Amino acid sequence: MSYQQNNYYVSRRQQNWSRNQNTTRYTSAVKLGPVTHTILVALMVAVLGLIYLTQATRATGYDYEAQAIDSQIAELDQQKSELEIENARLTALETIRSSSVAREMTTPASTEYVNQ
């Protein structure tokens, strides 16, 4: 009996346990084989792949929204430049008509065109 107690004491000392630590070990009643481990790893890889795909498609969705907004901005910039040109043209014609040079001009008596 003393040999068994001494052996327990030595094995306990080799594991470097100190006071007030939980020294109880729990062993699982379920034993998994290599096929089960392979299946579990494959399932974890599949789940991680699905998570990656959902994140990638979410980023692609944001890319489509950003592209639509960019095209709308480009269209509005084009409309703005067209309106600026139209505003400059109308302002220039009004300025020319109301200028003193234009008021002093007379209409010609006859106009002739050259036909070739």
N, C-alpha and C. Protein backbone atom coordinates (compact mmCIF):
# COMPACT_ATOMS: atom_id res chain seq x y z
N MET A 1 0.81 -1.18 0.00
CA MET A 1 0.00 0.00 0.00
C MET A 1 0.86 1.26 0.00
N SER A 2 1.96 1.24 0.70
CA SER A 2 2.82 2.42 0.75
C SER A 2 3.45 2.69 -0.61
N TYR A 3 3.70 1.65 -1.38
CA TYR A 3 4.25 1.85 -2.72
C TYR A 3 3.28 2.60 -3.60
N GLN A 4 2.02 2.27 -3.51
CA GLN A 4 0.99 2.94 -4.31
C GLN A 4 0.85 4.40 -3.90
N GLN A 5 0.88 4.69 -2.63
CA GLN A 5 0.79 6.08 -2.17
C GLN A 5 2.03 6.85 -2.59
N ASN A 6 3.17 6.26 -2.49
CA ASN A 6 4.40 6.92 -2.88
C ASN A 6 4.41 7.21 -4.37
N ASN A 7 3.94 6.28 -5.19
CA ASN A 7 3.87 6.48 -6.64
C ASN A 7 2.92 7.62 -6.98
N TYR A 8 1.80 7.70 -6.31
CA TYR A 8 0.84 8.79 -6.53
C TYR A 8 1.47 10.12 -6.16
N TYR A 9 2.20 10.14 -5.06
CA TYR A 9 2.84 11.37 -4.60
C TYR A 9 3.88 11.84 -5.61
N VAL A 10 4.65 10.94 -6.15
CA VAL A 10 5.69 11.28 -7.13
C VAL A 10 5.05 11.78 -8.41
N SER A 11 4.03 11.11 -8.91
CA SER A 11 3.40 11.56 -10.16
C SER A 11 2.72 12.91 -9.97
N ARG A 12 2.20 13.16 -8.78
CA ARG A 12 1.57 14.44 -8.52
C ARG A 12 2.61 15.55 -8.48
N ARG A 13 3.76 15.27 -7.93
CA ARG A 13 4.83 16.27 -7.85
C ARG A 13 5.39 16.57 -9.23
N GLN A 14 5.41 15.62 -10.12
CA GLN A 14 5.96 15.83 -11.45
C GLN A 14 5.08 16.74 -12.30
N GLN A 15 3.83 16.87 -12.00
CA GLN A 15 2.93 17.70 -12.77
C GLN A 15 2.94 19.15 -12.30
N ASN A 16 3.72 19.46 -11.30
CA ASN A 16 3.90 20.82 -10.80
C ASN A 16 2.59 21.47 -10.36
N TRP A 17 1.81 20.74 -9.64
CA TRP A 17 0.60 21.33 -9.09
C TRP A 17 0.96 21.98 -7.76
N SER A 18 0.37 23.10 -7.50
CA SER A 18 0.61 23.74 -6.21
C SER A 18 -0.67 23.72 -5.40
N ARG A 19 -0.65 24.34 -4.27
CA ARG A 19 -1.82 24.33 -3.40
C ARG A 19 -2.97 25.10 -4.01
N ASN A 20 -4.15 24.73 -3.60
CA ASN A 20 -5.40 25.39 -3.97
C ASN A 20 -5.64 25.41 -5.48
N GLN A 21 -5.22 24.41 -6.16
CA GLN A 21 -5.53 24.27 -7.58
C GLN A 21 -6.40 23.04 -7.77
N ASN A 22 -7.25 23.14 -8.77
CA ASN A 22 -8.11 22.01 -9.07
C ASN A 22 -7.30 20.94 -9.77
N THR A 23 -7.18 19.81 -9.15
CA THR A 23 -6.35 18.74 -9.70
C THR A 23 -7.19 17.62 -10.29
N THR A 24 -8.47 17.86 -10.45
CA THR A 24 -9.35 16.83 -10.99
C THR A 24 -9.29 16.88 -12.51
N ARG A 25 -9.17 15.74 -13.12
CA ARG A 25 -9.17 15.66 -14.57
C ARG A 25 -10.46 15.00 -15.02
N TYR A 26 -11.05 15.59 -16.04
CA TYR A 26 -12.27 15.03 -16.58
C TYR A 26 -11.94 14.37 -17.91
N THR A 27 -12.42 13.18 -18.08
CA THR A 27 -12.24 12.48 -19.34
C THR A 27 -13.60 12.32 -19.99
N SER A 28 -13.63 12.54 -21.27
CA SER A 28 -14.88 12.45 -22.01
C SER A 28 -15.27 11.00 -22.21
N ALA A 29 -16.55 10.74 -22.10
CA ALA A 29 -17.05 9.38 -22.32
C ALA A 29 -17.17 9.08 -23.80
N VAL A 30 -17.23 10.14 -24.64
CA VAL A 30 -17.37 9.96 -26.07
C VAL A 30 -15.99 9.99 -26.71
N LYS A 31 -15.66 8.96 -27.43
CA LYS A 31 -14.38 8.89 -28.14
C LYS A 31 -14.66 9.07 -29.63
N LEU A 32 -13.92 10.01 -30.24
CA LEU A 32 -14.11 10.29 -31.66
C LEU A 32 -12.97 9.66 -32.45
N GLY A 33 -13.33 9.07 -33.59
CA GLY A 33 -12.32 8.43 -34.43
C GLY A 33 -11.77 9.40 -35.46
N PRO A 34 -10.85 8.94 -36.29
CA PRO A 34 -10.24 9.82 -37.30
C PRO A 34 -11.23 10.27 -38.37
N VAL A 35 -12.20 9.45 -38.71
CA VAL A 35 -13.20 9.83 -39.71
C VAL A 35 -14.07 10.95 -39.16
N THR A 36 -14.45 10.86 -37.91
CA THR A 36 -15.28 11.89 -37.29
C THR A 36 -14.52 13.20 -37.21
N HIS A 37 -13.24 13.14 -36.87
CA HIS A 37 -12.42 14.35 -36.81
C HIS A 37 -12.32 14.99 -38.19
N THR A 38 -12.15 14.17 -39.22
CA THR A 38 -12.07 14.68 -40.59
C THR A 38 -13.37 15.37 -40.99
N ILE A 39 -14.48 14.76 -40.64
CA ILE A 39 -15.79 15.35 -40.97
C ILE A 39 -15.99 16.66 -40.22
N LEU A 40 -15.61 16.71 -38.95
CA LEU A 40 -15.74 17.95 -38.18
C LEU A 40 -14.87 19.07 -38.75
N VAL A 41 -13.65 18.74 -39.15
CA VAL A 41 -12.78 19.75 -39.76
C VAL A 41 -13.37 20.23 -41.07
N ALA A 42 -13.90 19.31 -41.88
CA ALA A 42 -14.52 19.70 -43.15
C ALA A 42 -15.73 20.61 -42.91
N LEU A 43 -16.52 20.32 -41.90
CA LEU A 43 -17.67 21.16 -41.58
C LEU A 43 -17.23 22.55 -41.13
N MET A 44 -16.18 22.63 -40.33
CA MET A 44 -15.69 23.94 -39.89
C MET A 44 -15.16 24.75 -41.07
N VAL A 45 -14.46 24.09 -41.98
CA VAL A 45 -13.96 24.78 -43.18
C VAL A 45 -15.14 25.28 -44.02
N ALA A 46 -16.18 24.46 -44.15
CA ALA A 46 -17.35 24.86 -44.93
C ALA A 46 -18.05 26.06 -44.29
N VAL A 47 -18.18 26.05 -42.98
CA VAL A 47 -18.81 27.18 -42.29
C VAL A 47 -17.99 28.45 -42.45
N LEU A 48 -16.68 28.34 -42.31
CA LEU A 48 -15.82 29.51 -42.52
C LEU A 48 -15.90 30.01 -43.96
N GLY A 49 -16.00 29.09 -44.91
CA GLY A 49 -16.16 29.48 -46.31
C GLY A 49 -17.46 30.23 -46.54
N LEU A 50 -18.53 29.77 -45.93
CA LEU A 50 -19.82 30.46 -46.07
C LEU A 50 -19.77 31.86 -45.44
N ILE A 51 -19.12 31.97 -44.31
CA ILE A 51 -18.98 33.29 -43.68
C ILE A 51 -18.20 34.22 -44.60
N TYR A 52 -17.11 33.71 -45.19
CA TYR A 52 -16.32 34.52 -46.12
C TYR A 52 -17.16 34.95 -47.31
N LEU A 53 -17.93 34.02 -47.87
CA LEU A 53 -18.76 34.36 -49.04
C LEU A 53 -19.81 35.42 -48.71
N THR A 54 -20.42 35.34 -47.54
CA THR A 54 -21.41 36.37 -47.20
C THR A 54 -20.75 37.73 -47.07
N GLN A 55 -19.55 37.78 -46.51
CA GLN A 55 -18.86 39.06 -46.39
C GLN A 55 -18.44 39.58 -47.76
N ALA A 56 -18.00 38.70 -48.65
CA ALA A 56 -17.57 39.12 -49.99
C ALA A 56 -18.75 39.63 -50.81
N THR A 57 -19.90 38.95 -50.71
CA THR A 57 -21.06 39.42 -51.48
C THR A 57 -21.60 40.71 -50.91
N ARG A 58 -21.48 40.92 -49.62
CA ARG A 58 -21.91 42.18 -49.02
C ARG A 58 -21.05 43.33 -49.55
N ALA A 59 -19.75 43.10 -49.67
CA ALA A 59 -18.85 44.13 -50.21
C ALA A 59 -19.17 44.39 -51.68
N THR A 60 -19.52 43.35 -52.43
CA THR A 60 -19.88 43.53 -53.83
C THR A 60 -21.16 44.34 -53.95
N GLY A 61 -22.10 44.11 -53.07
CA GLY A 61 -23.34 44.89 -53.08
C GLY A 61 -23.06 46.36 -52.84
N TYR A 62 -22.15 46.66 -51.92
CA TYR A 62 -21.78 48.05 -51.69
C TYR A 62 -21.10 48.64 -52.91
N ASP A 63 -20.33 47.82 -53.63
CA ASP A 63 -19.65 48.28 -54.83
C ASP A 63 -20.67 48.67 -55.90
N TYR A 64 -21.74 47.89 -56.06
CA TYR A 64 -22.77 48.22 -57.03
C TYR A 64 -23.47 49.53 -56.66
N GLU A 65 -23.75 49.72 -55.38
CA GLU A 65 -24.38 50.97 -54.94
C GLU A 65 -23.47 52.16 -55.21
N ALA A 66 -22.19 52.00 -54.91
CA ALA A 66 -21.23 53.08 -55.13
C ALA A 66 -21.11 53.40 -56.62
N GLN A 67 -21.13 52.37 -57.46
CA GLN A 67 -21.05 52.59 -58.90
C GLN A 67 -22.29 53.33 -59.41
N ALA A 68 -23.47 53.00 -58.90
CA ALA A 68 -24.69 53.70 -59.30
C ALA A 68 -24.63 55.17 -58.88
N ILE A 69 -24.14 55.41 -57.68
CA ILE A 69 -24.03 56.80 -57.20
C ILE A 69 -23.01 57.57 -58.02
N ASP A 70 -21.90 56.92 -58.38
CA ASP A 70 -20.87 57.58 -59.20
C ASP A 70 -21.42 57.94 -60.58
N SER A 71 -22.20 57.04 -61.19
CA SER A 71 -22.77 57.35 -62.51
C SER A 71 -23.79 58.49 -62.39
N GLN A 72 -24.55 58.52 -61.30
CA GLN A 72 -25.50 59.61 -61.10
C GLN A 72 -24.76 60.94 -60.91
N ILE A 73 -23.65 60.93 -60.20
CA ILE A 73 -22.86 62.15 -60.01
C ILE A 73 -22.31 62.62 -61.35
N ALA A 74 -21.82 61.70 -62.18
CA ALA A 74 -21.28 62.07 -63.50
C ALA A 74 -22.37 62.68 -64.37
N GLU A 75 -23.57 62.10 -64.33
CA GLU A 75 -24.69 62.62 -65.13
C GLU A 75 -25.08 64.02 -64.65
N LEU A 76 -25.12 64.23 -63.35
CA LEU A 76 -25.47 65.54 -62.82
C LEU A 76 -24.39 66.58 -63.13
N ASP A 77 -23.12 66.17 -63.13
CA ASP A 77 -22.05 67.09 -63.52
C ASP A 77 -22.18 67.52 -64.97
N GLN A 78 -22.55 66.57 -65.83
CA GLN A 78 -22.74 66.89 -67.25
C GLN A 78 -23.91 67.86 -67.42
N GLN A 79 -25.01 67.63 -66.72
CA GLN A 79 -26.15 68.54 -66.79
C GLN A 79 -25.76 69.92 -66.28
N LYS A 80 -24.98 69.97 -65.23
CA LYS A 80 -24.54 71.25 -64.68
C LYS A 80 -23.71 72.03 -65.69
N SER A 81 -22.78 71.34 -66.36
CA SER A 81 -21.94 72.04 -67.35
C SER A 81 -22.78 72.52 -68.53
N GLU A 82 -23.77 71.73 -68.95
CA GLU A 82 -24.66 72.16 -70.04
C GLU A 82 -25.47 73.39 -69.62
N LEU A 83 -25.94 73.40 -68.39
CA LEU A 83 -26.70 74.55 -67.91
C LEU A 83 -25.82 75.79 -67.76
N GLU A 84 -24.58 75.61 -67.37
CA GLU A 84 -23.66 76.75 -67.29
C GLU A 84 -23.41 77.34 -68.67
N ILE A 85 -23.24 76.48 -69.67
CA ILE A 85 -23.04 76.96 -71.04
C ILE A 85 -24.28 77.70 -71.53
N GLU A 86 -25.45 77.14 -71.28
CA GLU A 86 -26.70 77.79 -71.70
C GLU A 86 -26.86 79.13 -70.99
N ASN A 87 -26.53 79.19 -69.72
CA ASN A 87 -26.63 80.44 -68.97
C ASN A 87 -25.66 81.49 -69.54
N ALA A 88 -24.45 81.08 -69.86
CA ALA A 88 -23.48 82.01 -70.44
C ALA A 88 -23.96 82.52 -71.79
N ARG A 89 -24.53 81.66 -72.62
CA ARG A 89 -25.03 82.06 -73.94
C ARG A 89 -26.17 83.06 -73.82
N LEU A 90 -27.12 82.76 -72.95
CA LEU A 90 -28.26 83.67 -72.80
C LEU A 90 -27.83 85.00 -72.18
N THR A 91 -26.94 84.95 -71.24
CA THR A 91 -26.45 86.19 -70.62
C THR A 91 -25.68 87.02 -71.63
N ALA A 92 -24.89 86.39 -72.49
CA ALA A 92 -24.11 87.12 -73.50
C ALA A 92 -25.03 87.77 -74.51
N LEU A 93 -26.06 87.07 -74.98
CA LEU A 93 -26.99 87.67 -75.95
C LEU A 93 -27.73 88.86 -75.36
N GLU A 94 -28.15 88.73 -74.12
CA GLU A 94 -28.86 89.83 -73.47
C GLU A 94 -27.93 91.03 -73.28
N THR A 95 -26.69 90.78 -72.93
CA THR A 95 -25.72 91.86 -72.75
C THR A 95 -25.45 92.56 -74.08
N ILE A 96 -25.32 91.81 -75.15
CA ILE A 96 -25.06 92.40 -76.48
C ILE A 96 -26.25 93.23 -76.93
N ARG A 97 -27.45 92.74 -76.74
CA ARG A 97 -28.64 93.48 -77.19
C ARG A 97 -28.81 94.78 -76.42
N SER A 98 -28.46 94.78 -75.18
CA SER A 98 -28.66 95.99 -74.40
C SER A 98 -27.44 96.92 -74.42
N SER A 99 -26.40 96.59 -75.16
CA SER A 99 -25.22 97.46 -75.20
C SER A 99 -25.48 98.69 -76.07
N SER A 100 -24.71 99.71 -75.84
CA SER A 100 -24.87 100.96 -76.60
C SER A 100 -24.49 100.78 -78.05
N VAL A 101 -23.55 99.92 -78.37
CA VAL A 101 -23.14 99.66 -79.75
C VAL A 101 -24.29 99.03 -80.52
N ALA A 102 -24.96 98.09 -79.93
CA ALA A 102 -26.06 97.41 -80.59
C ALA A 102 -27.24 98.36 -80.79
N ARG A 103 -27.45 99.30 -79.89
CA ARG A 103 -28.56 100.26 -80.04
C ARG A 103 -28.31 101.23 -81.19
N GLU A 104 -27.08 101.54 -81.44
CA GLU A 104 -26.76 102.50 -82.50
C GLU A 104 -26.69 101.87 -83.88
N MET A 105 -26.74 100.55 -83.97
CA MET A 105 -26.71 99.87 -85.27
C MET A 105 -28.05 100.02 -85.97
N THR A 106 -27.97 100.08 -87.30
CA THR A 106 -29.20 100.16 -88.09
C THR A 106 -29.32 98.90 -88.91
N THR A 107 -30.51 98.62 -89.36
CA THR A 107 -30.73 97.45 -90.20
C THR A 107 -30.36 97.81 -91.63
N PRO A 108 -29.75 96.93 -92.37
CA PRO A 108 -29.37 97.23 -93.75
C PRO A 108 -30.61 97.33 -94.65
N ALA A 109 -30.47 98.11 -95.72
CA ALA A 109 -31.59 98.29 -96.65
C ALA A 109 -31.83 97.03 -97.45
N SER A 110 -30.77 96.37 -97.91
CA SER A 110 -30.96 95.13 -98.66
C SER A 110 -29.78 94.21 -98.36
N THR A 111 -30.07 92.98 -98.42
CA THR A 111 -29.02 91.98 -98.24
C THR A 111 -29.00 91.09 -99.46
N GLU A 112 -27.85 90.80 -99.92
CA GLU A 112 -27.71 89.93 -101.10
C GLU A 112 -26.76 88.79 -100.76
N TYR A 113 -27.06 87.65 -101.33
CA TYR A 113 -26.25 86.45 -101.10
C TYR A 113 -25.63 86.02 -102.41
N VAL A 114 -24.45 85.49 -102.35
CA VAL A 114 -23.76 85.03 -103.54
C VAL A 114 -24.11 83.56 -103.74
N ASN A 115 -24.55 83.25 -104.96
CA ASN A 115 -24.88 81.86 -105.31
C ASN A 115 -23.78 81.31 -106.21
N GLN A 116 -23.29 80.21 -105.94
CA GLN A 116 -22.24 79.63 -106.77
C GLN A 116 -22.73 78.48 -107.57
